[in-house]
C-alpha atoms as a PDB file:
ATOM      1  CA  MET A   1      -2.447  -6.594  -4.884  1.00  0.00           C
ATOM      2  CA  GLY A   2       0.370  -4.357  -5.881  1.00  0.00           C
ATOM      3  CA  PRO A   3       4.082  -4.580  -5.287  1.00  0.00           C
ATOM      4  CA  MET A   4       5.448  -4.439  -1.745  1.00  0.00           C
ATOM      5  CA  ILE A   5       7.217  -1.126  -1.257  1.00  0.00           C
ATOM      6  CA  ARG A   6       9.888  -1.233   1.420  1.00  0.00           C
ATOM      7  CA  LEU A   7      10.277   1.940   3.473  1.00  0.00           C
ATOM      8  CA  GLU A   8      13.367   2.577   5.521  1.00  0.00           C
ATOM      9  CA  THR A   9      11.537   5.130   7.642  1.00  0.00           C
ATOM     10  CA  THR A  10       8.106   6.369   8.711  1.00  0.00           C
ATOM     11  CA  LEU A  11       5.466   6.972   6.048  1.00  0.00           C
ATOM     12  CA  THR A  12       4.798  10.675   5.629  1.00  0.00           C
ATOM     13  CA  SER A  13       2.418  12.469   3.273  1.00  0.00           C
ATOM     14  CA  ASP A  14       5.274  13.308   0.905  1.00  0.00           C
ATOM     15  CA  ARG A  15       6.572   9.728   0.903  1.00  0.00           C
ATOM     16  CA  HIS A  16       3.064   8.410   0.277  1.00  0.00           C
ATOM     17  CA  LEU A  17       2.668  10.828  -2.628  1.00  0.00           C
ATOM     18  CA  SER A  18       5.998   9.643  -4.013  1.00  0.00           C
ATOM     19  CA  ILE A  19       4.856   6.006  -3.831  1.00  0.00           C
ATOM     20  CA  LEU A  20       1.573   6.859  -5.557  1.00  0.00           C
ATOM     21  CA  SER A  21       3.248   8.793  -8.347  1.00  0.00           C
ATOM     22  CA  ASP A  22       6.180   6.381  -8.807  1.00  0.00           C
ATOM     23  CA  HIS A  23       4.330   3.065  -8.606  1.00  0.00           C
ATOM     24  CA  LEU A  24       0.537   3.200  -8.691  1.00  0.00           C
ATOM     25  CA  ASN A  25      -0.173   4.371 -12.235  1.00  0.00           C
ATOM     26  CA  SER A  26       2.364   2.058 -13.844  1.00  0.00           C
ATOM     27  CA  PHE A  27       1.133  -0.932 -11.828  1.00  0.00           C
ATOM     28  CA  ILE A  28      -2.538  -0.281 -12.539  1.00  0.00           C
ATOM     29  CA  SER A  29      -1.928   0.352 -16.248  1.00  0.00           C
ATOM     30  CA  ILE A  30      -0.145  -3.015 -16.561  1.00  0.00           C
ATOM     31  CA  VAL A  31      -2.538  -5.104 -14.461  1.00  0.00           C
ATOM     32  CA  HIS A  32      -5.750  -3.303 -15.414  1.00  0.00           C
ATOM     33  CA  SER A  33      -5.187  -2.215 -19.003  1.00  0.00           C
ATOM     34  CA  ASP A  34      -8.983  -2.229 -19.352  1.00  0.00           C
ATOM     35  CA  GLY A  35      -9.158   0.890 -17.149  1.00  0.00           C
ATOM     36  CA  LEU A  36     -10.906  -0.929 -14.311  1.00  0.00           C
ATOM     37  CA  GLY A  37      -8.149  -0.549 -11.716  1.00  0.00           C
ATOM     38  CA  GLN A  38      -9.175   0.217  -8.156  1.00  0.00           C
ATOM     39  CA  LEU A  39      -7.382   1.700  -5.147  1.00  0.00           C
ATOM     40  CA  GLN A  40      -8.525   1.286  -1.580  1.00  0.00           C
ATOM     41  CA  GLN A  41      -6.670   2.792   1.353  1.00  0.00           C
ATOM     42  CA  ASP A  42      -7.647   3.667   4.879  1.00  0.00           C
ATOM     43  CA  ASN A  43      -7.750   7.103   6.483  1.00  0.00           C
ATOM     44  CA  ALA A  44      -4.198   7.013   7.823  1.00  0.00           C
ATOM     45  CA  THR A  45      -2.876  10.558   7.986  1.00  0.00           C
ATOM     46  CA  PRO A  46      -0.505  10.195   4.985  1.00  0.00           C
ATOM     47  CA  HIS A  47      -3.310   8.615   2.906  1.00  0.00           C
ATOM     48  CA  ALA A  48      -5.813  11.370   3.717  1.00  0.00           C
ATOM     49  CA  SER A  49      -3.376  14.282   3.411  1.00  0.00           C
ATOM     50  CA  ARG A  50      -4.129  17.240   1.168  1.00  0.00           C
ATOM     51  CA  VAL A  51      -1.300  16.418  -1.241  1.00  0.00           C
ATOM     52  CA  ALA A  52      -2.364  12.782  -1.592  1.00  0.00           C
ATOM     53  CA  THR A  53      -6.037  13.706  -1.973  1.00  0.00           C
ATOM     54  CA  LYS A  54      -5.181  16.295  -4.629  1.00  0.00           C
ATOM     55  CA  TRP A  55      -3.015  13.777  -6.535  1.00  0.00           C
ATOM     56  CA  LEU A  56      -5.814  11.189  -6.428  1.00  0.00           C
ATOM     57  CA  GLN A  57      -8.302  13.748  -7.741  1.00  0.00           C
ATOM     58  CA  GLU A  58      -5.934  14.717 -10.567  1.00  0.00           C
ATOM     59  CA  HIS A  59      -5.605  11.044 -11.558  1.00  0.00           C
ATOM     60  CA  SER A  60      -9.229  10.046 -11.049  1.00  0.00           C
ATOM     61  CA  SER A  61      -9.598   9.052 -14.695  1.00  0.00           C
ATOM     62  CA  ASP A  62      -6.761   6.496 -14.381  1.00  0.00           C
ATOM     63  CA  PHE A  63      -8.386   4.262 -11.739  1.00  0.00           C
ATOM     64  CA  ARG A  64     -11.250   4.117  -9.278  1.00  0.00           C
ATOM     65  CA  HIS A  65     -10.516   5.258  -5.721  1.00  0.00           C
ATOM     66  CA  PHE A  66     -12.701   3.872  -2.945  1.00  0.00           C
ATOM     67  CA  HIS A  67     -13.179   6.391  -0.157  1.00  0.00           C
ATOM     68  CA  TRP A  68     -12.883   5.014   3.363  1.00  0.00           C
ATOM     69  CA  PRO A  69     -15.795   6.135   5.557  1.00  0.00           C
ATOM     70  CA  PRO A  70     -14.654   7.937   8.732  1.00  0.00           C
ATOM     71  CA  LYS A  71     -14.818   5.827  11.893  1.00  0.00           C
ATOM     72  CA  SER A  72     -15.698   2.740   9.857  1.00  0.00           C
ATOM     73  CA  PRO A  73     -14.780  -0.747  11.064  1.00  0.00           C
ATOM     74  CA  GLU A  74     -11.490  -2.145   9.850  1.00  0.00           C
ATOM     75  CA  MET A  75     -12.185  -3.676   6.433  1.00  0.00           C
ATOM     76  CA  ASN A  76      -8.673  -3.587   5.052  1.00  0.00           C
ATOM     77  CA  ILE A  77      -7.137  -7.030   4.464  1.00  0.00           C
ATOM     78  CA  ILE A  78      -3.615  -5.773   5.129  1.00  0.00           C
ATOM     79  CA  GLU A  79      -3.829  -6.782   8.805  1.00  0.00           C
ATOM     80  CA  ASP A  80      -4.677 -10.363   7.806  1.00  0.00           C
ATOM     81  CA  ILE A  81      -1.820 -10.403   5.305  1.00  0.00           C
ATOM     82  CA  ARG A  82       0.585  -9.010   7.919  1.00  0.00           C
ATOM     83  CA  ASP A  83      -0.464 -11.708  10.393  1.00  0.00           C
ATOM     84  CA  ALA A  84       0.067 -14.447   7.794  1.00  0.00           C
ATOM     85  CA  LEU A  85       3.504 -13.062   6.923  1.00  0.00           C
ATOM     86  CA  LEU A  86       4.494 -12.821  10.602  1.00  0.00           C
ATOM     87  CA  TYR A  87       3.371 -16.401  11.187  1.00  0.00           C
ATOM     88  CA  ALA A  88       5.394 -17.641   8.199  1.00  0.00           C
ATOM     89  CA  VAL A  89       8.488 -15.695   9.292  1.00  0.00           C
ATOM     90  CA  HIS A  90       8.244 -16.992  12.888  1.00  0.00           C
ATOM     91  CA  LYS A  91       8.169 -20.577  11.574  1.00  0.00           C
ATOM     92  CA  ARG A  92      11.463 -20.120   9.683  1.00  0.00           C
ATOM     93  CA  SER A  93      14.511 -21.871  11.021  1.00  0.00           C
ATOM     94  CA  PRO A  94      16.802 -20.112  11.552  1.00  0.00           C
ATOM     95  CA  PRO A  95      14.790 -16.912  11.993  1.00  0.00           C
ATOM     96  CA  PRO A  96      15.792 -13.822   9.992  1.00  0.00           C
ATOM     97  CA  ARG A  97      18.555 -11.967  11.819  1.00  0.00           C
ATOM     98  CA  THR A  98      18.959  -8.842   9.668  1.00  0.00           C
ATOM     99  CA  PRO A  99      16.584  -6.536   7.780  1.00  0.00           C
ATOM    100  CA  ILE A 100      17.828  -8.051   4.501  1.00  0.00           C
ATOM    101  CA  ASP A 101      17.116 -11.573   5.810  1.00  0.00           C
ATOM    102  CA  LEU A 102      13.620 -10.441   6.790  1.00  0.00           C
ATOM    103  CA  LEU A 103      12.961  -8.846   3.397  1.00  0.00           C
ATOM    104  CA  THR A 104      14.144 -12.042   1.682  1.00  0.00           C
ATOM    105  CA  ALA A 105      11.844 -14.125   3.897  1.00  0.00           C
ATOM    106  CA  LEU A 106       8.893 -11.880   3.129  1.00  0.00           C
END
């Protein structure tokens, strides 16, 4: 798992590219200094964009990128993590009332 990146807006191809370039290499080089880092992402439009694909190809020697087969069943654990986080947040008393409260709870 990598760091949680908070977005104030919708994820676009350019924002995804910015996250990759600003966070992915540094995280993988710290956690996987042996060069065995791996990235898996689904085929969401920002993930599969030309700019993101080109960046991943340019950095293919830095980590391994698992390609997501088109029309494959959902194998990404992010949905399970999201559900667990939502459950934990709903159990809080009092519940988070602002975005900052929610980020702190997460």
